[in-house]
Amino acid sequence: MLTQIITGNALNFIGINSLVKTTAISTNNILFRYLSTTKRSVKDKKLTLNQLKKQKLKENGPKRPSSAYFKYFMSIRDDLVRENPNAKVTEIAALGAKKWNTLNDFEKQSLRDKFTRELREYQVAKGRFIKQNLPPKKPLPPYVRFTQEIRDSIVRENPNLTFGEISQVISNKWSNLNNTEKEKYVNQYRHNLQDWNSKYLKFN
């Protein structure tokens, strides 16, 4: 009895009690759908930037071009099906491979060159889409930014040092900075982070 009261109150709260009365959908089914939707909506709000990028690219972004072989196969597939109406999918694929192998090197290279051009155009379009539709990465913390600024010069000056030794040199240089110099990096980071948060905090 108590379970029925709680269930009824929950259904009234989400505005679907009347739906249960007027349809053949069970109460448990309605609640399951509601809870599943709620979980999905909460999960969607916690998307990482990488997940958001993949989702937006999949939904609205430019499409990666098909390979040279796949494009060639799709261009002859209908003809192969008409010529071999009883052939299975795997047999059609095998016939397509044989046709591809009959092409000379020039013909194959022409198709590959076209794919290379399309892939380059796709990568440019993809980068433009990401820049226009997704937030940039968070500002680098002070020490990381300092590391990026001086690492290349440290490597040039010490070509025989290992990665760990280079990291130690950078760490020592950071430690030797006076408070005023460090404060410049800290203040710049705070300013950049505040600006990022004001624009993109919802993606965090």
Protein backbone atom coordinates (compact mmCIF):
# COMPACT_ATOMS: atom_id res chain seq x y z
CA MET A 1 0.00 0.00 0.00
CA LEU A 2 2.78 2.39 0.97
CA THR A 3 4.60 1.60 -2.29
CA GLN A 4 1.46 2.41 -4.26
CA ILE A 5 1.08 5.76 -2.48
CA ILE A 6 4.72 6.69 -3.10
CA THR A 7 4.50 5.62 -6.73
CA GLY A 8 1.30 7.59 -7.23
CA ASN A 9 2.82 10.70 -5.68
CA ALA A 10 5.92 10.37 -7.85
CA LEU A 11 3.81 10.04 -10.98
CA ASN A 12 1.67 13.02 -10.01
CA PHE A 13 4.82 15.04 -9.37
CA ILE A 14 6.20 14.40 -12.84
CA GLY A 15 2.82 14.92 -14.47
CA ILE A 16 2.25 11.48 -15.97
CA ASN A 17 -0.36 9.92 -13.69
CA SER A 18 -3.05 10.62 -16.28
CA LEU A 19 -0.93 8.90 -18.92
CA VAL A 20 -0.95 5.68 -16.91
CA LYS A 21 -4.73 5.82 -16.55
CA THR A 22 -5.39 6.42 -20.24
CA THR A 23 -2.84 4.07 -21.81
CA ALA A 24 -1.76 0.47 -21.53
CA ILE A 25 1.74 1.49 -20.36
CA SER A 26 2.48 0.13 -16.90
CA THR A 27 3.44 2.34 -13.98
CA ASN A 28 6.81 0.63 -13.66
CA ASN A 29 7.50 1.19 -17.35
CA ILE A 30 6.68 4.89 -17.05
CA LEU A 31 8.93 5.29 -14.02
CA PHE A 32 11.74 3.38 -15.73
CA ARG A 33 11.57 5.66 -18.77
CA TYR A 34 11.50 8.76 -16.60
CA LEU A 35 14.47 7.69 -14.48
CA SER A 36 16.45 6.62 -17.56
CA THR A 37 15.86 10.00 -19.20
CA THR A 38 16.85 11.79 -16.02
CA LYS A 39 20.08 9.81 -15.77
CA ARG A 40 20.93 10.56 -19.39
CA SER A 41 20.30 14.28 -18.95
CA VAL A 42 22.53 14.40 -15.87
CA LYS A 43 25.23 12.45 -17.68
CA ASP A 44 25.03 14.79 -20.68
CA LYS A 45 25.78 17.75 -18.43
CA LYS A 46 29.02 16.08 -17.32
CA LEU A 47 30.50 15.61 -20.79
CA THR A 48 34.21 16.26 -20.93
CA LEU A 49 35.52 18.58 -23.63
CA ASN A 50 36.81 15.58 -25.57
CA GLN A 51 33.43 13.83 -25.39
CA LEU A 52 31.68 17.04 -26.38
CA LYS A 53 34.02 17.43 -29.35
CA LYS A 54 33.29 13.90 -30.58
CA GLN A 55 29.56 14.38 -30.10
CA LYS A 56 29.41 17.68 -31.98
CA LEU A 57 31.61 16.38 -34.78
CA LYS A 58 29.40 13.34 -35.18
CA GLU A 59 26.19 15.38 -35.19
CA ASN A 60 27.09 18.45 -37.24
CA GLY A 61 30.76 18.36 -38.17
CA PRO A 62 32.38 17.69 -41.55
CA LYS A 63 32.49 14.05 -42.58
CA ARG A 64 35.80 12.27 -43.06
CA PRO A 65 36.25 11.24 -46.70
CA SER A 66 36.15 7.58 -47.63
CA SER A 67 39.36 5.84 -48.67
CA ALA A 68 40.36 5.57 -52.32
CA TYR A 69 39.48 1.89 -52.43
CA PHE A 70 36.10 2.31 -50.73
CA LYS A 71 35.09 5.14 -53.07
CA TYR A 72 36.07 3.06 -56.08
CA PHE A 73 34.15 0.06 -54.77
CA MET A 74 31.00 2.13 -54.16
CA SER A 75 31.24 3.54 -57.69
CA ILE A 76 31.04 0.03 -59.20
CA ARG A 77 28.93 -1.73 -56.57
CA ASP A 78 25.55 -1.24 -58.28
CA ASP A 79 26.92 -2.61 -61.55
CA LEU A 80 28.34 -5.65 -59.74
CA VAL A 81 24.98 -6.31 -58.06
CA ARG A 82 23.11 -6.05 -61.37
CA GLU A 83 25.57 -8.37 -63.09
CA ASN A 84 25.51 -10.85 -60.19
CA PRO A 85 21.98 -10.74 -58.73
CA ASN A 86 22.41 -13.95 -56.72
CA ALA A 87 25.79 -13.06 -55.23
CA LYS A 88 26.16 -12.63 -51.48
CA VAL A 89 27.52 -9.45 -49.93
CA THR A 90 30.89 -11.09 -49.32
CA GLU A 91 31.02 -12.26 -52.94
CA ILE A 92 30.24 -8.75 -54.21
CA ALA A 93 33.06 -7.45 -52.02
CA ALA A 94 35.44 -10.05 -53.47
CA LEU A 95 34.46 -9.07 -57.02
CA GLY A 96 35.11 -5.43 -56.14
CA ALA A 97 38.58 -6.33 -54.87
CA LYS A 98 39.33 -8.13 -58.13
CA LYS A 99 38.22 -5.08 -60.12
CA TRP A 100 40.47 -2.88 -58.01
CA ASN A 101 43.43 -5.15 -58.69
CA THR A 102 42.89 -4.79 -62.44
CA LEU A 103 43.52 -1.03 -62.25
CA ASN A 104 46.97 0.08 -63.28
CA ASP A 105 49.28 2.01 -60.95
CA PHE A 106 48.40 5.37 -62.51
CA GLU A 107 44.66 4.84 -62.01
CA LYS A 108 45.12 3.76 -58.40
CA GLN A 109 47.45 6.64 -57.63
CA SER A 110 44.99 9.13 -59.11
CA LEU A 111 42.30 7.87 -56.74
CA ARG A 112 44.72 7.96 -53.80
CA ASP A 113 45.80 11.50 -54.65
CA LYS A 114 42.17 12.59 -54.73
CA PHE A 115 41.64 11.03 -51.30
CA THR A 116 44.73 12.83 -49.95
CA ARG A 117 43.37 16.18 -51.16
CA GLU A 118 39.95 15.49 -49.67
CA LEU A 119 41.51 14.38 -46.38
CA ARG A 120 43.55 17.59 -46.19
CA GLU A 121 40.42 19.66 -46.85
CA TYR A 122 38.54 17.65 -44.21
CA GLN A 123 41.23 18.27 -41.59
CA VAL A 124 41.11 22.02 -42.26
CA ALA A 125 37.30 22.02 -42.07
CA LYS A 126 37.40 19.92 -38.90
CA GLY A 127 39.80 22.33 -37.22
CA ARG A 128 37.64 25.29 -38.23
CA PHE A 129 34.50 23.57 -36.94
CA ILE A 130 36.09 22.75 -33.57
CA LYS A 131 37.38 26.30 -33.18
CA GLN A 132 33.96 27.78 -33.94
CA ASN A 133 31.85 25.35 -31.91
CA LEU A 134 33.94 24.26 -28.94
CA PRO A 135 35.68 26.13 -26.14
CA PRO A 136 39.48 26.27 -26.08
CA LYS A 137 41.44 24.38 -23.46
CA LYS A 138 41.75 25.89 -20.02
CA PRO A 139 44.66 28.32 -19.49
CA LEU A 140 47.93 26.70 -18.51
CA PRO A 141 48.94 26.91 -14.84
CA PRO A 142 51.92 29.20 -14.07
CA TYR A 143 54.59 26.49 -13.87
CA VAL A 144 53.40 24.69 -17.00
CA ARG A 145 53.42 27.95 -18.96
CA PHE A 146 56.91 28.74 -17.69
CA THR A 147 58.04 25.26 -18.75
CA GLN A 148 56.66 25.70 -22.25
CA GLU A 149 58.42 29.03 -22.65
CA ILE A 150 61.92 27.83 -21.76
CA ARG A 151 61.98 24.11 -22.51
CA ASP A 152 63.14 24.38 -26.15
CA SER A 153 66.04 26.64 -25.25
CA ILE A 154 67.08 24.30 -22.40
CA VAL A 155 67.07 21.34 -24.79
CA ARG A 156 69.18 23.24 -27.35
CA GLU A 157 71.70 24.24 -24.70
CA ASN A 158 71.84 20.72 -23.21
CA PRO A 159 71.34 18.24 -26.08
CA ASN A 160 72.72 15.28 -24.09
CA LEU A 161 70.42 15.58 -21.09
CA THR A 162 67.61 13.08 -20.58
CA PHE A 163 63.96 14.08 -20.29
CA GLY A 164 64.13 13.78 -16.51
CA GLU A 165 67.28 15.90 -16.33
CA ILE A 166 65.70 18.58 -18.52
CA SER A 167 62.70 18.63 -16.20
CA GLN A 168 65.01 19.05 -13.20
CA VAL A 169 66.81 22.00 -14.84
CA ILE A 170 63.47 23.68 -15.51
CA SER A 171 62.34 23.02 -11.94
CA ASN A 172 65.52 24.62 -10.59
CA LYS A 173 65.05 27.67 -12.81
CA TRP A 174 61.49 28.07 -11.56
CA SER A 175 62.65 27.79 -7.96
CA ASN A 176 65.28 30.48 -8.57
CA LEU A 177 62.75 33.00 -9.85
CA ASN A 178 62.09 35.78 -7.39
CA ASN A 179 58.59 36.39 -6.08
CA THR A 180 57.96 39.28 -8.46
CA GLU A 181 58.76 37.16 -11.52
CA LYS A 182 56.61 34.28 -10.28
CA GLU A 183 53.78 36.65 -9.48
CA LYS A 184 53.66 37.73 -13.12
CA TYR A 185 52.90 34.15 -14.16
CA VAL A 186 50.39 33.70 -11.35
CA ASN A 187 48.53 36.93 -12.14
CA GLN A 188 48.44 36.15 -15.83
CA TYR A 189 47.03 32.70 -15.07
CA ARG A 190 44.35 34.14 -12.78
CA HIS A 191 43.35 36.68 -15.39
CA ASN A 192 43.19 34.07 -18.17
CA LEU A 193 41.29 31.61 -15.98
CA GLN A 194 38.74 34.22 -14.96
CA ASP A 195 38.20 35.13 -18.60
CA TRP A 196 37.86 31.43 -19.55
CA ASN A 197 35.39 30.77 -16.73
CA SER A 198 33.22 33.72 -17.72
CA LYS A 199 32.88 32.32 -21.24
CA TYR A 200 33.15 28.56 -20.95
CA LEU A 201 32.47 27.45 -17.36
CA LYS A 202 29.40 25.49 -18.47
CA PHE A 203 31.71 23.11 -20.35
CA ASN A 204 33.91 22.45 -17.33
